[in-house]
Protein backbone atom coordinates (compact mmCIF):
# COMPACT_ATOMS: atom_id res chain seq x y z
CA MET A 1 -11.49 -2.03 -33.52
CA SER A 2 -11.61 -5.65 -34.07
CA ARG A 3 -13.75 -8.14 -31.88
CA SER A 4 -10.78 -10.53 -30.93
CA HIS A 5 -9.04 -6.97 -29.72
CA THR A 6 -12.33 -6.23 -27.91
CA HIS A 7 -12.66 -9.64 -25.77
CA VAL A 8 -8.86 -9.13 -24.54
CA SER A 9 -9.69 -5.58 -23.62
CA GLN A 10 -12.77 -7.03 -21.68
CA GLU A 11 -10.51 -10.16 -20.07
CA VAL A 12 -7.88 -7.83 -18.90
CA THR A 13 -10.41 -4.76 -17.54
CA ALA A 14 -12.11 -7.90 -15.58
CA GLN A 15 -9.20 -9.35 -14.21
CA ALA A 16 -7.52 -6.10 -13.01
CA CYS A 17 -10.30 -4.58 -12.11
CA PRO A 18 -10.47 -5.81 -8.89
CA LEU A 19 -6.69 -6.14 -8.07
CA VAL A 20 -6.89 -2.34 -9.02
CA GLU A 21 -9.43 -1.66 -6.58
CA VAL A 22 -7.77 -3.55 -3.96
CA ILE A 23 -4.69 -1.87 -4.62
CA ASP A 24 -5.97 1.47 -4.29
CA HIS A 25 -7.55 1.16 -0.78
CA VAL A 26 -4.53 -0.77 0.61
CA ALA A 27 -1.48 0.27 -0.62
CA GLY A 28 -1.37 3.73 0.37
CA LYS A 29 1.21 5.52 2.52
CA TRP A 30 -0.99 6.00 5.19
CA SER A 31 -2.39 2.38 4.99
CA ILE A 32 0.89 0.47 4.53
CA SER A 33 2.38 2.05 7.85
CA ILE A 34 -1.01 1.30 9.60
CA LEU A 35 -1.06 -2.30 8.39
CA VAL A 36 2.66 -2.87 9.67
CA ALA A 37 2.18 -0.87 12.73
CA ALA A 38 -1.11 -2.74 13.95
CA ALA A 39 0.60 -5.98 12.91
CA HIS A 40 2.17 -6.77 16.23
CA GLY A 41 -1.25 -6.70 18.62
CA PRO A 42 -3.71 -4.56 19.44
CA VAL A 43 -2.97 -1.18 18.99
CA ARG A 44 -4.51 2.21 20.46
CA PHE A 45 -5.08 5.49 18.15
CA THR A 46 -2.88 7.28 19.71
CA GLU A 47 -0.11 4.68 19.31
CA LEU A 48 -0.50 4.93 15.86
CA GLU A 49 -0.70 8.45 15.73
CA ARG A 50 2.80 8.10 16.82
CA SER A 51 4.59 5.36 15.60
CA ILE A 52 3.39 6.81 11.54
CA GLU A 53 5.75 10.07 10.87
CA GLY A 54 3.47 12.80 9.07
CA ILE A 55 0.46 11.25 9.52
CA SER A 56 -2.52 13.95 10.91
CA ARG A 57 -4.95 12.70 13.06
CA ARG A 58 -7.90 13.29 10.17
CA MET A 59 -5.84 11.08 7.93
CA LEU A 60 -5.32 8.32 10.37
CA THR A 61 -8.97 8.66 11.53
CA LEU A 62 -10.19 8.16 7.71
CA ASN A 63 -8.02 5.77 6.62
CA LEU A 64 -8.86 3.64 10.00
CA ARG A 65 -12.38 3.91 8.98
CA ARG A 66 -11.78 2.43 5.03
CA LEU A 67 -9.55 -0.48 6.35
CA GLU A 68 -12.04 -1.41 8.86
CA ARG A 69 -15.24 -0.99 6.17
CA ASP A 70 -13.00 -3.51 3.99
CA GLY A 71 -12.22 -5.66 6.68
CA LEU A 72 -8.96 -5.53 7.04
CA LEU A 73 -9.36 -3.98 10.43
CA THR A 74 -11.07 -4.68 13.83
CA ARG A 75 -12.25 -1.07 16.45
CA THR A 76 -12.84 -2.69 19.73
CA VAL A 77 -14.27 -0.43 22.28
CA HIS A 78 -13.78 -0.66 25.90
CA PRO A 79 -16.40 0.75 28.07
CA THR A 80 -14.15 2.45 30.24
CA VAL A 81 -13.56 6.62 30.85
CA PRO A 82 -12.28 7.66 28.91
CA PRO A 83 -13.10 5.00 26.33
CA LYS A 84 -10.06 3.09 24.97
CA VAL A 85 -10.45 2.03 22.21
CA GLU A 86 -7.85 -0.83 19.92
CA TYR A 87 -7.40 -1.90 16.55
CA ASN A 88 -6.50 -5.00 15.70
CA LEU A 89 -5.60 -6.79 12.24
CA THR A 90 -8.23 -9.42 10.70
CA SER A 91 -6.95 -12.73 9.82
CA MET A 92 -7.29 -11.50 5.97
CA ALA A 93 -5.50 -8.44 6.88
CA ARG A 94 -2.34 -10.74 8.86
CA GLU A 95 -1.85 -12.56 5.51
CA LEU A 96 -1.69 -9.26 3.51
CA HIS A 97 0.90 -8.46 6.23
CA SER A 98 2.99 -11.79 5.20
CA TYR A 99 2.88 -10.65 1.75
CA LEU A 100 3.81 -6.91 2.41
CA THR A 101 6.99 -7.98 4.33
CA GLY A 102 7.75 -9.95 0.82
CA LEU A 103 7.38 -7.42 -0.77
CA VAL A 104 9.75 -4.79 1.06
CA GLU A 105 12.09 -7.80 1.22
CA TRP A 106 12.27 -8.15 -2.53
CA ALA A 107 11.97 -3.94 -2.59
CA GLU A 108 15.64 -4.39 -0.11
CA ARG A 109 16.74 -6.76 -1.88
CA HIS A 110 16.54 -5.05 -5.74
CA ARG A 111 17.21 -1.59 -4.47
CA GLY A 112 20.79 -1.04 -5.67
CA SER A 113 19.70 -2.88 -9.19
CA ILE A 114 16.73 -0.55 -9.68
CA ALA A 115 18.96 2.46 -8.82
CA GLN A 116 21.30 1.34 -12.01
CA ALA A 117 18.72 0.72 -13.82
CA ARG A 118 17.57 4.42 -13.16
CA THR A 119 20.59 5.94 -13.37
CA ALA A 120 21.25 4.37 -16.80
CA TYR A 121 18.25 5.20 -17.74
CA ASP A 122 18.40 8.72 -17.11
CA SER A 123 21.96 9.14 -18.71
CA THR A 124 20.19 7.72 -21.64
CA ALA A 125 17.14 10.24 -21.59
CA ALA A 126 19.85 13.24 -21.05
CA ALA A 127 22.00 11.89 -24.33
CA THR A 128 18.95 11.57 -26.59
CA GLN A 129 17.55 14.91 -25.41
CA ALA A 130 20.87 16.70 -26.29
CA GLY A 131 20.87 15.53 -29.74
CA GLN A 132 22.99 12.49 -29.53
CA PRO A 133 22.18 9.55 -30.67
CA HIS A 134 20.55 6.64 -28.40
CA PRO A 135 23.73 3.99 -28.18
């Protein structure tokens, strides 16, 4: 491998690693759902559990802990009987939420184009597999 190729590879890795690490934590199915559900103010565990369809208590607990550890959620325990626990987005998570909202809007705008591109790609791939020449 050439010295210049190694340099480019190291540069890409250095730039991509923090991004990949953060995306791994915040782009998961449950993490996004939790961030969206908690965006409208303090929310209790049971409210999150009810609002996020299909999530188990264990998965919700694990994701809440991870998001809290990453500095995206704050957990407040109120000294009542039974204890009242609320989760709230941090300012960093509010900023992320605004980007997620933009991403959702982008996906909604381009959903049809993406579906058309997939259909065209799939029909080309099927024709190629059937032995027909690639158009």
